[in-house]
Protein backbone atom coordinates (compact mmCIF):
# COMPACT_ATOMS: atom_id res chain seq x y z
CA MET A 1 2.39 -27.19 14.41
CA ALA A 2 3.99 -24.13 15.93
CA LYS A 3 7.70 -23.55 15.82
CA ARG A 4 9.57 -24.07 19.05
CA ASP A 5 12.15 -21.79 20.66
CA GLN A 6 14.70 -24.57 21.06
CA ASP A 7 17.40 -22.56 19.30
CA GLY A 8 16.74 -19.50 21.43
CA ARG A 9 15.99 -17.20 18.52
CA HIS A 10 12.75 -15.95 20.13
CA GLY A 11 14.12 -14.91 23.53
CA PRO A 12 11.45 -13.54 25.95
CA ARG A 13 12.97 -10.05 26.17
CA GLU A 14 13.23 -9.60 22.39
CA ARG A 15 9.82 -11.16 21.78
CA ASN A 16 8.14 -8.83 24.29
CA ARG A 17 9.81 -5.79 22.73
CA TRP A 18 8.66 -6.74 19.23
CA ASP A 19 5.11 -7.50 20.39
CA ALA A 20 4.87 -4.22 22.28
CA TRP A 21 5.89 -2.27 19.18
CA THR A 22 3.55 -4.06 16.78
CA ALA A 23 0.63 -3.99 19.22
CA ALA A 24 0.65 -0.19 18.96
CA ARG A 25 0.00 -0.38 15.23
CA PRO A 26 -3.49 -0.45 13.66
CA LYS A 27 -5.24 -3.78 13.63
CA ARG A 28 -5.11 -5.85 10.47
CA PRO A 29 -7.69 -5.08 7.80
CA ALA A 30 -10.77 -7.21 7.43
CA GLY A 31 -10.27 -10.39 5.49
CA ALA A 32 -12.66 -12.54 3.51
CA ALA A 33 -15.77 -10.98 5.08
CA SER A 34 -15.15 -7.74 3.18
CA GLY A 35 -14.10 -9.12 -0.20
CA GLU A 36 -14.19 -12.07 -2.53
CA ARG A 37 -12.94 -15.30 -1.02
CA ARG A 38 -10.95 -16.55 -3.98
CA LEU A 39 -8.10 -18.10 -2.03
CA GLN A 40 -8.22 -21.75 -1.01
CA GLU A 41 -6.06 -23.33 1.66
CA ILE A 42 -3.77 -26.25 0.79
CA GLU A 43 -3.00 -28.03 4.03
CA GLN A 44 -0.47 -30.62 2.86
CA PHE A 45 2.41 -29.30 0.82
CA GLY A 46 5.48 -31.13 2.08
CA PRO A 47 8.07 -30.03 4.64
CA ASN A 48 6.93 -26.95 6.55
CA PRO A 49 9.73 -25.94 8.95
CA GLY A 50 8.39 -22.38 9.10
CA ALA A 51 4.90 -23.55 10.16
CA LEU A 52 3.18 -21.27 7.64
CA ARG A 53 -0.24 -21.62 6.02
CA MET A 54 -0.54 -22.04 2.26
CA LEU A 55 -3.38 -20.30 0.40
CA ALA A 56 -3.57 -20.18 -3.37
CA TYR A 57 -5.68 -19.28 -6.36
CA ALA A 58 -5.64 -20.45 -9.97
CA PRO A 59 -8.20 -19.25 -12.53
CA ARG A 60 -10.45 -21.90 -13.99
CA ASP A 61 -8.95 -23.46 -17.12
CA LEU A 62 -5.53 -22.04 -16.37
CA PRO A 63 -3.32 -23.38 -19.18
CA ALA A 64 -0.06 -25.18 -18.55
CA GLY A 65 2.91 -22.88 -18.71
CA ALA A 66 1.22 -20.01 -16.87
CA PRO A 67 3.17 -17.72 -14.50
CA LEU A 68 2.99 -17.76 -10.70
CA VAL A 69 3.00 -14.75 -8.33
CA VAL A 70 3.89 -15.23 -4.66
CA VAL A 71 2.42 -12.50 -2.41
CA LEU A 72 3.59 -11.87 1.17
CA HIS A 73 1.37 -9.79 3.45
CA GLY A 74 2.65 -7.32 6.05
CA CYS A 75 2.46 -7.32 9.85
CA THR A 76 -1.07 -7.47 11.36
CA GLN A 77 -2.43 -8.62 7.98
CA ASP A 78 -3.47 -11.96 6.54
CA ALA A 79 -3.71 -13.40 3.04
CA TYR A 80 -7.46 -12.83 2.53
CA GLY A 81 -7.30 -9.25 3.74
CA TYR A 82 -4.28 -8.31 1.65
CA ASP A 83 -5.79 -9.80 -1.48
CA SER A 84 -9.17 -8.13 -0.97
CA HIS A 85 -7.38 -4.76 -0.99
CA ALA A 86 -4.54 -5.23 -3.50
CA GLY A 87 -6.47 -7.37 -5.98
CA TRP A 88 -3.80 -9.83 -7.09
CA THR A 89 -6.33 -12.64 -7.68
CA ARG A 90 -8.59 -10.31 -9.68
CA LEU A 91 -5.63 -9.44 -11.89
CA ALA A 92 -4.72 -13.14 -12.14
CA GLU A 93 -8.22 -13.90 -13.41
CA ARG A 94 -7.88 -11.24 -16.11
CA GLU A 95 -4.29 -11.96 -17.16
CA GLY A 96 -4.10 -15.73 -16.66
CA PHE A 97 -1.64 -16.56 -13.88
CA ALA A 98 -1.72 -18.34 -10.52
CA VAL A 99 -1.27 -16.69 -7.11
CA LEU A 100 0.28 -18.12 -3.95
CA TYR A 101 -0.21 -16.47 -0.56
CA PRO A 102 1.95 -17.87 2.24
CA GLU A 103 0.38 -16.76 5.51
CA GLN A 104 2.06 -16.20 8.85
CA GLN A 105 0.55 -17.66 12.03
CA ARG A 106 0.33 -15.98 15.43
CA ALA A 107 2.13 -18.92 17.02
CA ASN A 108 5.21 -17.87 15.02
CA ASN A 109 4.86 -14.11 15.45
CA ALA A 110 2.16 -12.49 17.59
CA GLN A 111 1.57 -9.75 15.02
CA ARG A 112 1.77 -12.03 11.97
CA CYS A 113 5.05 -10.54 10.78
CA PHE A 114 7.19 -12.80 8.63
CA ASN A 115 10.42 -13.36 10.58
CA TRP A 116 12.75 -11.84 7.97
CA PHE A 117 15.20 -10.78 10.70
CA LEU A 118 15.94 -14.29 12.00
CA ALA A 119 18.58 -16.40 10.27
CA ALA A 120 16.70 -19.57 11.19
CA ASP A 121 13.73 -18.35 9.11
CA ALA A 122 15.34 -16.28 6.36
CA ALA A 123 18.23 -18.48 5.17
CA ARG A 124 18.20 -20.91 2.25
CA GLY A 125 16.84 -24.31 3.26
CA LEU A 126 15.60 -23.16 6.66
CA GLY A 127 12.40 -22.02 8.34
CA GLU A 128 9.93 -19.79 6.56
CA THR A 129 11.81 -19.38 3.29
CA ARG A 130 12.06 -23.18 3.01
CA SER A 131 8.32 -23.51 3.63
CA ILE A 132 7.59 -20.98 0.88
CA ARG A 133 9.92 -22.83 -1.49
CA GLU A 134 7.98 -26.04 -0.82
CA MET A 135 4.69 -24.26 -1.57
CA ILE A 136 6.06 -23.06 -4.89
CA ALA A 137 7.06 -26.61 -5.82
CA VAL A 138 3.49 -27.77 -5.15
CA MET A 139 2.04 -25.00 -7.32
CA VAL A 140 4.42 -25.89 -10.15
CA ALA A 141 3.41 -29.56 -9.98
CA ARG A 142 -0.34 -28.95 -9.65
CA HIS A 143 -0.72 -26.31 -12.34
CA GLY A 144 2.17 -26.89 -14.73
CA ILE A 145 3.60 -23.48 -13.89
CA ASP A 146 6.29 -22.09 -16.18
CA GLU A 147 9.33 -22.27 -13.88
CA SER A 148 10.97 -19.39 -15.74
CA ARG A 149 8.07 -17.07 -14.78
CA ILE A 150 7.80 -17.20 -11.00
CA PHE A 151 7.65 -13.88 -9.14
CA VAL A 152 7.47 -12.68 -5.52
CA THR A 153 6.23 -9.47 -3.91
CA GLY A 154 5.62 -8.34 -0.35
CA LEU A 155 4.79 -5.41 1.91
CA SER A 156 6.91 -4.29 4.87
CA ALA A 157 7.94 -7.48 6.74
CA GLY A 158 6.63 -9.35 3.70
CA GLY A 159 8.78 -7.13 1.50
CA ALA A 160 11.84 -7.86 3.62
CA MET A 161 11.05 -11.58 3.35
CA ALA A 162 10.72 -11.17 -0.43
CA SER A 163 14.25 -9.70 -0.38
CA ALA A 164 15.43 -12.78 1.50
CA LEU A 165 13.73 -15.15 -0.94
CA LEU A 166 15.29 -13.42 -3.97
CA ALA A 167 18.73 -13.94 -2.40
CA ASP A 168 18.11 -17.45 -1.02
CA TYR A 169 16.50 -18.84 -4.19
CA PRO A 170 17.53 -16.61 -7.11
CA GLU A 171 17.29 -19.57 -9.47
CA VAL A 172 13.56 -19.83 -8.67
CA PHE A 173 12.45 -16.24 -9.32
CA ALA A 174 12.46 -14.27 -12.54
CA ALA A 175 11.78 -11.04 -10.66
CA GLY A 176 10.48 -9.60 -7.42
CA ALA A 177 8.98 -6.48 -5.89
CA VAL A 178 9.64 -5.03 -2.44
CA ILE A 179 7.11 -2.53 -1.05
CA ALA A 180 8.17 -0.50 2.01
CA GLY A 181 10.68 -3.23 2.79
CA LEU A 182 14.36 -3.68 3.53
CA PRO A 183 17.43 -5.10 1.80
CA CYS A 184 18.49 -8.70 2.12
CA GLY A 185 20.67 -9.12 5.21
CA ALA A 186 19.56 -5.85 6.84
CA ALA A 187 19.15 -7.55 10.25
CA ARG A 188 19.77 -10.83 12.02
CA SER A 189 17.94 -10.17 15.30
CA ILE A 190 14.99 -8.17 16.61
CA PRO A 191 17.16 -5.30 17.92
CA GLU A 192 18.92 -5.13 14.56
CA ALA A 193 15.53 -5.11 12.82
CA PHE A 194 14.42 -2.01 14.75
CA GLU A 195 17.71 -0.33 13.96
CA ALA A 196 17.50 -1.20 10.28
CA MET A 197 13.93 0.05 9.93
CA SER A 198 14.52 3.44 11.54
CA ARG A 199 18.28 4.08 11.27
CA PRO A 200 19.79 1.96 8.51
CA GLY A 201 23.56 2.12 8.38
CA ASP A 202 25.73 3.27 5.53
CA ARG A 203 26.94 0.23 3.62
CA SER A 204 28.78 0.21 0.36
CA ALA A 205 27.15 -1.19 -2.74
CA ALA A 206 29.71 -4.01 -2.78
CA GLU A 207 28.93 -4.97 0.81
CA LEU A 208 25.20 -4.96 0.15
CA GLY A 209 25.66 -7.00 -3.01
CA ASP A 210 27.76 -9.54 -1.12
CA LEU A 211 24.81 -10.14 1.22
CA VAL A 212 22.78 -11.30 -1.78
CA ARG A 213 25.57 -13.43 -3.23
CA ALA A 214 26.15 -15.09 0.14
CA GLY A 215 22.58 -16.38 0.22
CA SER A 216 23.08 -19.19 -2.28
CA PRO A 217 25.64 -20.81 -4.60
CA HIS A 218 23.89 -19.17 -7.55
CA ALA A 219 26.13 -17.38 -10.07
CA GLY A 220 23.43 -15.65 -12.11
CA PRO A 221 21.46 -14.45 -13.94
CA TRP A 222 19.81 -12.58 -11.10
CA PRO A 223 16.12 -11.74 -10.61
CA ARG A 224 15.01 -8.28 -11.67
CA ILE A 225 13.46 -6.14 -8.93
CA SER A 226 10.85 -3.39 -8.49
CA ILE A 227 11.25 -1.25 -5.34
CA TRP A 228 8.44 0.88 -3.90
CA HIS A 229 8.53 3.35 -1.00
CA GLY A 230 6.57 6.27 0.40
CA ALA A 231 8.58 9.47 0.78
CA ALA A 232 6.85 10.08 4.15
CA ASP A 233 7.34 6.56 5.54
CA THR A 234 8.49 6.80 9.17
CA THR A 235 8.06 3.09 9.96
CA VAL A 236 10.58 1.78 7.43
CA VAL A 237 12.47 4.92 6.45
CA PRO A 238 13.14 5.63 2.74
CA LYS A 239 16.88 5.10 3.11
CA ASN A 240 16.06 1.39 3.01
CA ALA A 241 14.88 1.89 -0.57
CA GLU A 242 18.20 3.55 -1.33
CA ASN A 243 20.06 0.55 0.09
CA LEU A 244 17.86 -1.85 -1.86
CA VAL A 245 18.71 0.02 -5.06
CA LYS A 246 22.43 -0.04 -4.24
CA GLN A 247 22.24 -3.76 -3.44
CA TRP A 248 20.53 -4.92 -6.62
CA VAL A 249 22.14 -2.48 -9.04
CA GLU A 250 25.49 -3.81 -7.82
CA VAL A 251 24.39 -7.43 -8.12
CA HIS A 252 23.27 -6.83 -11.71
CA GLY A 253 26.47 -4.98 -12.56
CA ALA A 254 24.59 -1.89 -13.72
CA ALA A 255 26.09 1.59 -13.50
CA HIS A 256 24.74 3.03 -10.26
CA GLY A 257 24.85 6.63 -11.43
CA GLU A 258 23.19 6.02 -14.80
CA PHE A 259 19.44 5.65 -14.92
CA HIS A 260 16.26 7.00 -16.48
CA GLU A 261 13.93 9.12 -14.38
CA GLU A 262 10.45 10.57 -14.76
CA VAL A 263 8.04 12.28 -12.38
CA SER A 264 4.26 12.44 -12.73
CA ASP A 265 1.91 13.85 -10.08
CA GLY A 266 4.41 13.26 -7.28
CA HIS A 267 5.17 9.70 -8.44
CA LEU A 268 8.83 9.31 -9.30
CA ARG A 269 10.19 6.32 -11.19
CA ARG A 270 13.84 5.48 -11.90
CA VAL A 271 15.07 2.60 -14.02
CA TRP A 272 18.52 0.99 -14.23
CA ARG A 273 19.44 -1.21 -17.21
CA ALA A 274 21.95 -3.98 -17.74
CA GLY A 275 22.33 -6.46 -20.57
CA GLY A 276 19.82 -4.58 -22.69
CA ARG A 277 16.91 -4.85 -20.24
CA ASP A 278 15.44 -3.03 -17.24
CA VAL A 279 16.80 -4.81 -14.14
CA VAL A 280 16.02 -2.46 -11.25
CA GLU A 281 13.23 0.09 -10.92
CA LEU A 282 12.49 2.45 -8.03
CA HIS A 283 9.13 4.11 -7.33
CA VAL A 284 8.90 6.90 -4.74
CA ILE A 285 5.44 8.27 -3.91
CA ALA A 286 5.45 11.84 -2.55
CA GLY A 287 3.57 12.30 0.73
CA MET A 288 2.86 8.58 1.16
CA GLY A 289 3.47 6.86 4.49
CA HIS A 290 3.94 3.17 5.24
CA GLY A 291 1.92 0.85 3.04
CA THR A 292 1.05 -0.50 -0.38
CA PRO A 293 0.17 2.13 -3.03
CA LEU A 294 -3.26 1.44 -4.54
CA ASP A 295 -5.71 3.05 -6.94
CA ALA A 296 -9.36 2.83 -5.86
CA ARG A 297 -10.44 3.78 -9.40
CA LEU A 298 -9.36 0.29 -10.44
CA GLY A 299 -11.35 -1.51 -7.75
CA GLU A 300 -8.50 -1.67 -5.25
CA ARG A 301 -9.59 -0.96 -1.66
CA LYS A 302 -7.88 1.24 0.90
CA GLY A 303 -7.37 0.12 4.49
CA PRO A 304 -4.65 0.01 7.16
CA TYR A 305 -1.34 0.01 5.28
CA MET A 306 -3.29 -0.22 1.99
CA LEU A 307 -3.14 3.34 0.70
CA ASP A 308 -5.22 4.88 -2.08
CA VAL A 309 -2.73 7.27 -3.66
CA GLY A 310 -3.99 6.99 -7.23
CA VAL A 311 -1.13 4.66 -8.20
CA SER A 312 -1.66 0.91 -8.54
CA SER A 313 1.52 -0.85 -7.47
CA THR A 314 -0.21 -4.16 -8.23
CA ARG A 315 -0.74 -3.25 -11.88
CA LEU A 316 2.61 -1.54 -12.40
CA ILE A 317 4.56 -4.37 -10.77
CA ALA A 318 2.78 -6.87 -13.01
CA LYS A 319 3.62 -4.69 -15.99
CA PHE A 320 7.31 -4.52 -15.02
CA TRP A 321 7.33 -8.32 -14.76
CA GLY A 322 5.69 -8.66 -18.19
CA LEU A 323 2.44 -10.14 -16.85
CA SER A 324 0.09 -7.47 -18.14
CA GLY A 325 -0.13 -4.48 -20.42
CA ALA A 326 -0.54 -0.84 -19.45
CA VAL A 327 -2.97 0.08 -16.66
CA ALA A 328 -6.30 0.65 -18.35
CA GLU A 329 -7.50 4.18 -17.66
CA ASP A 330 -11.12 3.29 -18.46
CA GLU A 331 -11.28 0.19 -16.27
CA ALA A 332 -13.64 0.38 -13.30
CA PRO A 333 -15.71 -1.98 -11.15
CA ALA A 334 -19.25 -2.80 -12.30
CA GLY A 335 -18.68 -1.23 -15.70
CA GLN A 336 -18.48 2.31 -14.33
CA ALA A 337 -16.25 4.82 -16.05
CA VAL A 338 -13.12 6.06 -14.32
CA ALA A 339 -12.56 9.78 -13.99
CA ARG A 340 -8.89 10.48 -14.63
CA ARG A 341 -7.17 12.58 -12.00
CA PRO A 342 -5.51 15.74 -13.31
CA GLU A 343 -1.79 15.30 -13.91
CA PRO A 344 0.34 18.36 -13.18
CA ALA A 345 3.43 18.85 -15.29
CA ALA A 346 6.59 17.24 -13.94
CA SER A 347 9.01 19.75 -12.51
CA GLY A 348 10.99 21.22 -15.40
CA ALA A 349 9.28 18.99 -17.95
CA GLY A 350 6.82 21.54 -19.26
CA GLU A 351 4.08 19.00 -19.95
CA SER A 352 1.83 16.50 -18.23
CA ARG A 353 2.74 12.83 -18.53
CA GLN A 354 0.96 9.66 -17.48
CA GLU A 355 2.86 6.37 -17.16
CA PRO A 356 6.64 7.01 -17.03
CA ARG A 357 8.44 5.36 -19.93
CA PRO A 358 12.21 4.84 -19.94
CA ASP A 359 12.50 5.41 -23.70
CA ASN A 360 11.13 8.93 -23.29
CA ALA A 361 12.97 9.74 -20.06
CA ARG A 362 15.58 12.23 -19.08
CA ARG A 363 18.93 10.78 -18.00
CA PHE A 364 20.39 11.79 -14.65
CA ARG A 365 23.59 11.05 -12.85
CA GLY A 366 24.08 10.51 -9.14
CA ALA A 367 21.72 8.13 -7.34
CA ASP A 368 21.01 10.16 -4.18
CA ILE A 369 17.56 9.08 -2.96
CA GLY A 370 17.28 12.22 -0.85
CA GLY A 371 17.41 14.23 -4.04
CA THR A 372 14.94 11.83 -5.59
CA ILE A 373 12.42 12.41 -2.82
CA GLU A 374 12.95 16.18 -2.91
CA ARG A 375 12.22 16.28 -6.64
CA ALA A 376 9.10 14.16 -6.13
CA LEU A 377 7.88 16.49 -3.38
CA ARG A 378 8.52 19.53 -5.54
CA ALA A 379 6.68 17.95 -8.47
CA ALA A 380 3.69 17.29 -6.21
CA GLY A 381 3.69 20.92 -5.00
CA LEU A 382 4.56 19.83 -1.45
CA MET A 383 7.91 21.63 -1.35
CA ARG A 384 9.17 24.90 -2.76
């Protein structure tokens, strides 16, 4: 059943503006027809105030106490299409965890964007976030999921909704990942959403952190977070990644100017620690636009907003969460060998390095993301 506009949150003028903008974007990638149809729909899962679809996957013989990953697609996409490109269910089969894909319906948003910018859909106990919470409860009950190992990730509008979920239900999630998304509380209307995507304001770390703390009565501990952004993203500008870092570093009480940093082949990673563990990580991909970073060598498929940049965000997010080991360099579809791409030396490092590791990192001070992106571009040979 479609949501109604009885509270006026989808006014005709705002709705037309949003639809006109999203209609100009590429059409959503092909879904099940172009990939494995692992996901199965669950039609009855309790209260559904957000009128979302629930699709899920659990490997055969999944043991009790397995983790759960919630994946939120971006605008113009659907669950089958996103999974066929990003490969979360393939990884779940290998590593032994369940996957939940909430899916937006056109009746709610003409371009299938999650409505992260509407309080009636992005607040605790309401709308779409409430529907997703109900889906999680069903997965826990059906599969005996370990409730201390539930994770959420999303792209773009799905990333912004992941931010909202981490703030609304921090007691539910151990960690999250936001890809080309926005901070919690970045907008509360469609005009504010456009402003936040293209011209995010300057907010203090304390103000951004308060937006998270206002989402629930939770007092901690807080979910860890992995943040991903393309340095050339003009749809959701990279300053949103900077604000996400400020928001979650402040929530965790980490020192904003103290972090580990490494660069490899234009891929920059920074890590902030608190309480003896990595709590916030930032990945910036030089030259990458708006989308999910993928690595076709590992069987991941490029498409609209699914970008083969030789970096698997799927694998590295799972690694940050503790769901899998290092990305296997010799893994390839159909038993074929993978040819490793040459890795130029990081700027000033004097040697080539593969996966960045905090224990072997240089320590920097000052968390300016502009400087971060500049160093990544220089390391990739895209700036002198």
